Structures are given as structure tokens and as C-alpha cells.
C-alpha atoms as a PDB file:
ATOM      1  CA  UNK A   1      39.852 -11.295   5.461  1.00  0.00           C
ATOM      2  CA  UNK A   2      39.424 -14.207   7.466  1.00  0.00           C
ATOM      3  CA  UNK A   3      36.601 -12.504   9.430  1.00  0.00           C
ATOM      4  CA  UNK A   4      33.474 -12.316   8.338  1.00  0.00           C
ATOM      5  CA  UNK A   5      29.778 -12.294   9.585  1.00  0.00           C
ATOM      6  CA  UNK A   6      26.962 -13.531   8.413  1.00  0.00           C
ATOM      7  CA  UNK A   7      27.742 -14.810   5.165  1.00  0.00           C
ATOM      8  CA  UNK A   8      25.054 -16.921   3.794  1.00  0.00           C
ATOM      9  CA  UNK A   9      26.230 -20.104   1.924  1.00  0.00           C
ATOM     10  CA  UNK A  10      23.797 -22.970  -0.060  1.00  0.00           C
ATOM     11  CA  UNK A  11      25.069 -26.865   0.650  1.00  0.00           C
ATOM     12  CA  UNK A  12      23.508 -29.013  -2.014  1.00  0.00           C
ATOM     13  CA  UNK A  13      23.084 -32.384   0.034  1.00  0.00           C
ATOM     14  CA  UNK A  14      24.525 -35.386  -1.740  1.00  0.00           C
ATOM     15  CA  UNK A  15      22.327 -37.513  -3.547  1.00  0.00           C
ATOM     16  CA  UNK A  16      19.303 -35.274  -3.309  1.00  0.00           C
ATOM     17  CA  UNK A  17      18.376 -31.903  -4.848  1.00  0.00           C
ATOM     18  CA  UNK A  18      17.848 -30.026  -1.609  1.00  0.00           C
ATOM     19  CA  UNK A  19      19.966 -27.175  -0.951  1.00  0.00           C
ATOM     20  CA  UNK A  20      20.240 -26.349   3.058  1.00  0.00           C
ATOM     21  CA  UNK A  21      21.118 -22.566   3.467  1.00  0.00           C
ATOM     22  CA  UNK A  22      24.061 -22.054   6.281  1.00  0.00           C
ATOM     23  CA  UNK A  23      24.773 -18.597   7.701  1.00  0.00           C
ATOM     24  CA  UNK A  24      28.803 -18.580   8.420  1.00  0.00           C
ATOM     25  CA  UNK A  25      30.345 -15.984  10.743  1.00  0.00           C
ATOM     26  CA  UNK A  26      34.105 -16.234  11.639  1.00  0.00           C
ATOM     27  CA  UNK A  27      35.615 -14.543  14.260  1.00  0.00           C
ATOM     28  CA  UNK A  28      39.851 -13.898  14.478  1.00  0.00           C
ATOM     29  CA  UNK A  29      42.029 -14.449  17.776  1.00  0.00           C
ATOM     30  CA  UNK A  30      45.415 -13.615  17.820  1.00  0.00           C
ATOM     31  CA  UNK A  31      47.739 -15.588  20.233  1.00  0.00           C
ATOM     32  CA  UNK A  32      51.103 -13.582  19.656  1.00  0.00           C
ATOM     33  CA  UNK A  33      51.587 -10.108  19.373  1.00  0.00           C
ATOM     34  CA  UNK A  34      53.889 -10.368  16.193  1.00  0.00           C
ATOM     35  CA  UNK A  35      50.046 -11.879  14.738  1.00  0.00           C
ATOM     36  CA  UNK A  36      51.816 -14.814  13.289  1.00  0.00           C
ATOM     37  CA  UNK A  37      49.458 -17.699  15.280  1.00  0.00           C
ATOM     38  CA  UNK A  38      46.097 -17.050  15.974  1.00  0.00           C
ATOM     39  CA  UNK A  39      43.018 -19.292  15.422  1.00  0.00           C
ATOM     40  CA  UNK A  40      39.679 -18.966  13.521  1.00  0.00           C
ATOM     41  CA  UNK A  41      36.549 -19.725  15.687  1.00  0.00           C
ATOM     42  CA  UNK A  42      33.753 -20.381  13.392  1.00  0.00           C
ATOM     43  CA  UNK A  43      30.022 -20.155  13.667  1.00  0.00           C
ATOM     44  CA  UNK A  44      27.386 -22.307  11.353  1.00  0.00           C
ATOM     45  CA  UNK A  45      23.565 -21.662  11.394  1.00  0.00           C
ATOM     46  CA  UNK A  46      21.338 -23.329   9.532  1.00  0.00           C
ATOM     47  CA  UNK A  47      19.135 -20.510   8.316  1.00  0.00           C
ATOM     48  CA  UNK A  48      16.888 -22.553   5.569  1.00  0.00           C
ATOM     49  CA  UNK A  49      13.478 -22.197   7.267  1.00  0.00           C
ATOM     50  CA  UNK A  50      13.884 -18.519   7.829  1.00  0.00           C
ATOM     51  CA  UNK A  51      15.490 -18.193   4.087  1.00  0.00           C
ATOM     52  CA  UNK A  52      12.618 -20.131   2.886  1.00  0.00           C
ATOM     53  CA  UNK A  53      10.127 -17.722   5.337  1.00  0.00           C
ATOM     54  CA  UNK A  54      11.481 -14.858   3.859  1.00  0.00           C
ATOM     55  CA  UNK A  55      11.617 -15.981   0.034  1.00  0.00           C
ATOM     56  CA  UNK A  56       8.082 -16.517   0.162  1.00  0.00           C
ATOM     57  CA  UNK A  57       7.564 -13.612   1.956  1.00  0.00           C
ATOM     58  CA  UNK A  58       9.056 -11.666  -0.673  1.00  0.00           C
ATOM     59  CA  UNK A  59       7.066 -13.616  -3.840  1.00  0.00           C
ATOM     60  CA  UNK A  60       3.611 -12.683  -2.083  1.00  0.00           C
ATOM     61  CA  UNK A  61       4.583  -9.217  -1.814  1.00  0.00           C
ATOM     62  CA  UNK A  62       6.066  -8.959  -5.323  1.00  0.00           C
ATOM     63  CA  UNK A  63       2.551 -10.525  -6.256  1.00  0.00           C
ATOM     64  CA  UNK A  64       0.677  -8.002  -4.246  1.00  0.00           C
ATOM     65  CA  UNK A  65       2.143  -5.156  -5.576  1.00  0.00           C
ATOM     66  CA  UNK A  66       1.628  -6.682  -9.107  1.00  0.00           C
ATOM     67  CA  UNK A  67      -1.528  -6.906  -8.638  1.00  0.00           C
ATOM     68  CA  UNK A  68      -2.092  -3.557  -6.742  1.00  0.00           C
ATOM     69  CA  UNK A  69      -0.291  -1.690  -9.885  1.00  0.00           C
ATOM     70  CA  UNK A  70      -2.401  -3.257 -12.273  1.00  0.00           C
ATOM     71  CA  UNK A  71      -5.444  -2.372 -11.084  1.00  0.00           C
ATOM     72  CA  UNK A  72      -7.682   0.577 -12.911  1.00  0.00           C
ATOM     73  CA  UNK A  73      -8.738   1.176  -9.129  1.00  0.00           C
ATOM     74  CA  UNK A  74      -6.465   3.148  -6.851  1.00  0.00           C
ATOM     75  CA  UNK A  75      -5.391   1.163  -3.823  1.00  0.00           C
ATOM     76  CA  UNK A  76      -3.983   3.655  -0.920  1.00  0.00           C
ATOM     77  CA  UNK A  77      -3.092   4.029   2.818  1.00  0.00           C
ATOM     78  CA  UNK A  78      -3.083   7.526   4.306  1.00  0.00           C
ATOM     79  CA  UNK A  79      -1.396   7.478   7.752  1.00  0.00           C
ATOM     80  CA  UNK A  80      -2.827   9.921  10.546  1.00  0.00           C
ATOM     81  CA  UNK A  81       0.162   9.305  12.850  1.00  0.00           C
ATOM     82  CA  UNK A  82       2.824  10.072  14.014  1.00  0.00           C
ATOM     83  CA  UNK A  83       2.063  12.603  10.746  1.00  0.00           C
ATOM     84  CA  UNK A  84      -0.563  12.701   8.002  1.00  0.00           C
ATOM     85  CA  UNK A  85       0.613  11.321   4.638  1.00  0.00           C
ATOM     86  CA  UNK A  86       0.060   8.708   1.826  1.00  0.00           C
ATOM     87  CA  UNK A  87       2.241   5.663   2.615  1.00  0.00           C
ATOM     88  CA  UNK A  88       1.413   3.856  -0.351  1.00  0.00           C
ATOM     89  CA  UNK A  89      -0.901   5.035  -3.350  1.00  0.00           C
ATOM     90  CA  UNK A  90      -1.202   2.881  -6.720  1.00  0.00           C
ATOM     91  CA  UNK A  91       0.267   4.357 -10.029  1.00  0.00           C
ATOM     92  CA  UNK A  92      -3.473   4.271 -11.297  1.00  0.00           C
ATOM     93  CA  UNK A  93      -4.024   7.027  -9.342  1.00  0.00           C
ATOM     94  CA  UNK A  94      -2.563   8.482 -12.809  1.00  0.00           C
ATOM     95  CA  UNK A  95      -5.696   7.708 -15.196  1.00  0.00           C
ATOM     96  CA  UNK A  96      -8.080   8.547 -12.646  1.00  0.00           C
ATOM     97  CA  UNK A  97      -6.808  12.116 -11.649  1.00  0.00           C
ATOM     98  CA  UNK A  98      -4.084  13.231 -13.435  1.00  0.00           C
ATOM     99  CA  UNK A  99      -1.404  13.329 -10.748  1.00  0.00           C
ATOM    100  CA  UNK A 100       1.573  11.424 -10.231  1.00  0.00           C
ATOM    101  CA  UNK A 101       1.699   9.011  -7.144  1.00  0.00           C
ATOM    102  CA  UNK A 102       4.818  11.220  -6.205  1.00  0.00           C
ATOM    103  CA  UNK A 103       2.394  14.260  -5.858  1.00  0.00           C
ATOM    104  CA  UNK A 104       0.392  12.584  -3.550  1.00  0.00           C
ATOM    105  CA  UNK A 105       3.404  11.490  -1.588  1.00  0.00           C
ATOM    106  CA  UNK A 106       4.580  15.008  -1.470  1.00  0.00           C
ATOM    107  CA  UNK A 107       1.816  16.650  -0.797  1.00  0.00           C
ATOM    108  CA  UNK A 108      -0.384  14.906   2.262  1.00  0.00           C
ATOM    109  CA  UNK A 109      -3.260  17.375   1.336  1.00  0.00           C
ATOM    110  CA  UNK A 110      -3.606  16.640  -1.721  1.00  0.00           C
ATOM    111  CA  UNK A 111      -6.570  14.042  -1.567  1.00  0.00           C
ATOM    112  CA  UNK A 112      -8.198  16.657   0.159  1.00  0.00           C
ATOM    113  CA  UNK A 113      -7.691  19.271  -2.082  1.00  0.00           C
ATOM    114  CA  UNK A 114      -8.879  17.105  -5.340  1.00  0.00           C
ATOM    115  CA  UNK A 115     -12.300  16.609  -3.612  1.00  0.00           C
ATOM    116  CA  UNK A 116     -14.952  18.890  -5.003  1.00  0.00           C
ATOM    117  CA  UNK A 117     -15.611  22.035  -1.989  1.00  0.00           C
ATOM    118  CA  UNK A 118     -18.890  20.965  -1.068  1.00  0.00           C
ATOM    119  CA  UNK A 119     -17.769  17.573  -0.247  1.00  0.00           C
ATOM    120  CA  UNK A 120     -14.750  18.034   1.392  1.00  0.00           C
ATOM    121  CA  UNK A 121     -16.465  17.661   4.593  1.00  0.00           C
ATOM    122  CA  UNK A 122     -16.957  14.191   4.207  1.00  0.00           C
ATOM    123  CA  UNK A 123     -13.261  13.785   3.753  1.00  0.00           C
ATOM    124  CA  UNK A 124     -12.435  15.573   6.686  1.00  0.00           C
ATOM    125  CA  UNK A 125     -15.198  13.172   8.705  1.00  0.00           C
ATOM    126  CA  UNK A 126     -13.358  10.560   7.836  1.00  0.00           C
ATOM    127  CA  UNK A 127      -9.838  11.627   8.716  1.00  0.00           C
ATOM    128  CA  UNK A 128     -11.273  13.194  12.252  1.00  0.00           C
ATOM    129  CA  UNK A 129     -13.014   9.496  12.615  1.00  0.00           C
ATOM    130  CA  UNK A 130     -16.503  10.793  13.107  1.00  0.00           C
ATOM    131  CA  UNK A 131     -17.744   9.083   9.538  1.00  0.00           C
ATOM    132  CA  UNK A 132     -19.286   5.091   9.114  1.00  0.00           C
ATOM    133  CA  UNK A 133     -16.587   3.191   7.767  1.00  0.00           C
ATOM    134  CA  UNK A 134     -18.598   0.510   6.593  1.00  0.00           C
ATOM    135  CA  UNK A 135     -20.490   2.321   3.556  1.00  0.00           C
ATOM    136  CA  UNK A 136     -18.626   3.717   0.638  1.00  0.00           C
ATOM    137  CA  UNK A 137     -18.862   7.203   0.048  1.00  0.00           C
ATOM    138  CA  UNK A 138     -19.284   9.055  -3.162  1.00  0.00           C
ATOM    139  CA  UNK A 139     -17.230  12.546  -3.766  1.00  0.00           C
ATOM    140  CA  UNK A 140     -16.775  14.884  -6.952  1.00  0.00           C
ATOM    141  CA  UNK A 141     -13.318  15.131  -7.429  1.00  0.00           C
ATOM    142  CA  UNK A 142     -10.901  17.842  -9.246  1.00  0.00           C
ATOM    143  CA  UNK A 143      -8.930  16.078 -12.224  1.00  0.00           C
ATOM    144  CA  UNK A 144      -5.376  17.852 -12.726  1.00  0.00           C
ATOM    145  CA  UNK A 145      -6.788  18.576 -16.418  1.00  0.00           C
ATOM    146  CA  UNK A 146      -9.873  20.431 -14.591  1.00  0.00           C
ATOM    147  CA  UNK A 147     -12.581  17.966 -15.349  1.00  0.00           C
ATOM    148  CA  UNK A 148     -14.849  17.131 -12.647  1.00  0.00           C
ATOM    149  CA  UNK A 149     -15.298  13.157 -11.958  1.00  0.00           C
ATOM    150  CA  UNK A 150     -17.579  11.291  -9.216  1.00  0.00           C
ATOM    151  CA  UNK A 151     -15.289   8.773  -7.090  1.00  0.00           C
ATOM    152  CA  UNK A 152     -16.487   6.088  -5.006  1.00  0.00           C
ATOM    153  CA  UNK A 153     -14.371   5.042  -2.200  1.00  0.00           C
ATOM    154  CA  UNK A 154     -14.325   2.381   0.223  1.00  0.00           C
ATOM    155  CA  UNK A 155     -12.428   2.808   2.924  1.00  0.00           C
ATOM    156  CA  UNK A 156     -11.155   0.819   5.985  1.00  0.00           C
ATOM    157  CA  UNK A 157     -10.047   2.220   9.535  1.00  0.00           C
ATOM    158  CA  UNK A 158      -6.747   1.044  10.852  1.00  0.00           C
ATOM    159  CA  UNK A 159      -6.620   1.211  14.590  1.00  0.00           C
ATOM    160  CA  UNK A 160      -3.917   0.816  17.006  1.00  0.00           C
ATOM    161  CA  UNK A 161      -3.969  -1.407  20.602  1.00  0.00           C
ATOM    162  CA  UNK A 162      -6.084   1.515  22.495  1.00  0.00           C
ATOM    163  CA  UNK A 163      -8.501   1.779  19.370  1.00  0.00           C
ATOM    164  CA  UNK A 164      -7.655   5.257  18.160  1.00  0.00           C
ATOM    165  CA  UNK A 165      -7.278   5.802  14.503  1.00  0.00           C
ATOM    166  CA  UNK A 166      -3.980   5.463  12.885  1.00  0.00           C
ATOM    167  CA  UNK A 167      -4.281   5.085   9.524  1.00  0.00           C
ATOM    168  CA  UNK A 168      -7.235   4.794   6.619  1.00  0.00           C
ATOM    169  CA  UNK A 169      -6.530   2.114   3.606  1.00  0.00           C
ATOM    170  CA  UNK A 170      -8.882   1.991   0.891  1.00  0.00           C
ATOM    171  CA  UNK A 171     -10.028   1.488  -3.003  1.00  0.00           C
ATOM    172  CA  UNK A 172     -11.280   4.296  -4.818  1.00  0.00           C
ATOM    173  CA  UNK A 173     -12.875   3.763  -8.683  1.00  0.00           C
ATOM    174  CA  UNK A 174     -14.389   6.032 -11.206  1.00  0.00           C
ATOM    175  CA  UNK A 175     -18.219   5.836 -11.099  1.00  0.00           C
ATOM    176  CA  UNK A 176     -18.846   8.922 -13.226  1.00  0.00           C
ATOM    177  CA  UNK A 177     -20.448   7.087 -15.870  1.00  0.00           C
ATOM    178  CA  UNK A 178     -22.768   5.137 -13.845  1.00  0.00           C
ATOM    179  CA  UNK A 179     -23.991   8.414 -11.943  1.00  0.00           C
ATOM    180  CA  UNK A 180     -24.468  10.069 -14.956  1.00  0.00           C
ATOM    181  CA  UNK A 181     -26.665   7.072 -15.997  1.00  0.00           C
ATOM    182  CA  UNK A 182     -28.818   7.111 -12.711  1.00  0.00           C
ATOM    183  CA  UNK A 183     -28.823  10.802 -13.283  1.00  0.00           C
ATOM    184  CA  UNK A 184     -30.448  10.448 -16.767  1.00  0.00           C
ATOM    185  CA  UNK A 185     -32.535   7.186 -15.646  1.00  0.00           C
ATOM    186  CA  UNK A 186     -34.210   9.648 -12.918  1.00  0.00           C
ATOM    187  CA  UNK A 187     -34.503  12.130 -14.958  1.00  0.00           C
ATOM    188  CA  UNK A 188     -36.447  10.026 -17.708  1.00  0.00           C
ATOM    189  CA  UNK A 189     -38.106   8.737 -14.872  1.00  0.00           C
ATOM    190  CA  UNK A 190     -39.137  11.823 -13.295  1.00  0.00           C
ATOM    191  CA  UNK A 191     -40.478  13.288 -17.361  1.00  0.00           C
ATOM    192  CA  UNK A 192     -42.253   9.921 -17.637  1.00  0.00           C
ATOM    193  CA  UNK A 193     -44.347  10.781 -14.108  1.00  0.00           C
ATOM    194  CA  UNK A 194     -44.862  14.418 -15.510  1.00  0.00           C
ATOM    195  CA  UNK A 195     -46.321  13.156 -18.508  1.00  0.00           C
ATOM    196  CA  UNK A 196     -48.698  10.721 -17.040  1.00  0.00           C
ATOM    197  CA  UNK A 197     -50.347  13.281 -15.215  1.00  0.00           C
ATOM    198  CA  UNK A 198     -50.942  15.408 -18.208  1.00  0.00           C
END
């Protein structure tokens, strides 16, 4: 038809390689009742700068997604308002926990349920905003296969204009091997201390 709105076309400027992006809209006005005579109003808008901005934003988002999805660490965003839910959790959560990202999206409490019972108060303190967000927290987690792992979690509080906690963003990483080495080192230091006093 002759009427359309916001059709985007690229125009190659003569003697250059520059393309200008134009949004074209038309409006049809009939001059007679039998619709044999009409006129077409055409509106042209140069949207080159807007298109360039949107394209660069899309490219940046693509690079960010690729980066977060290829990390071994788990990147997440947990919304607290208007309802508690994961709005993003990176696919690396499968390697860390054995759970699929979709399982976290379906169950907003899964992020608490995987935490070892004795450590859950730490996560609940994060959610209610009573825990310091400056320092990382180390928690024991249950993997889907039943193994227990140690996870270090760094959190960022996201607040609204009034200062209310509305979301938590963060990074989680498996520190089980580091924790086991520290425990072994502490054990050996204690043993050495004990042997020195014999």
C-alpha cells in the first residue's frame, strides 16, 4: 500500500561511502468519495545518528553477553522489587552448581536453597540489606549432584533514588580448592606448633 510508518532506508551519498539512514512515513488522504483522487504526504527523518547509537549499543551488549557467558565465574542479578527473582544468571552456573539457569529463573529461592543450612543466614542478611556489601562472603553450597563446594560471592547493592535496596548484582566463584589448601595449611601449622612443644 501507499501508507506506511517508520520504514527505514539507507541512502548512499554520491561520490562517498557514507550511508544516511532515513525513516520514511506516508499518509494517504482521499480527495473524493470514490477514492480515485488522493494525495500522499511523505515525512522523511534523518535517523543516522540514532541508528549508529543503537547499533553501537547492540554491539556493546553482544560483547558483554559473550564475556559473561564465557566466564567460569557466575554473574547474576537478583531482583528484590517488585518480586524476588533472578533477572540474569550466566550459563557458567551449570558448571558451578549443576543447575540450569532456567531452574534459577523458575525458582527465585534456589539461590538460597543451594546454600548449606548453617550459612543461609548470611544470604538472608544480604537480601534484607543488613549485611555489608563491601566484603565478599564465603558460603558452602550443595551442588545438584550432592557434593558440597565452597563459593566466594562478591555483591553489589543496587538501590533506587530513595536508597532502598532493589536488587543485588554479583559474581560467584568456586573456591573449594583454595579453602581445602588453607585448611590443610592450618592443620600442618597446628601440627608443627604441637611438635615444637614436645
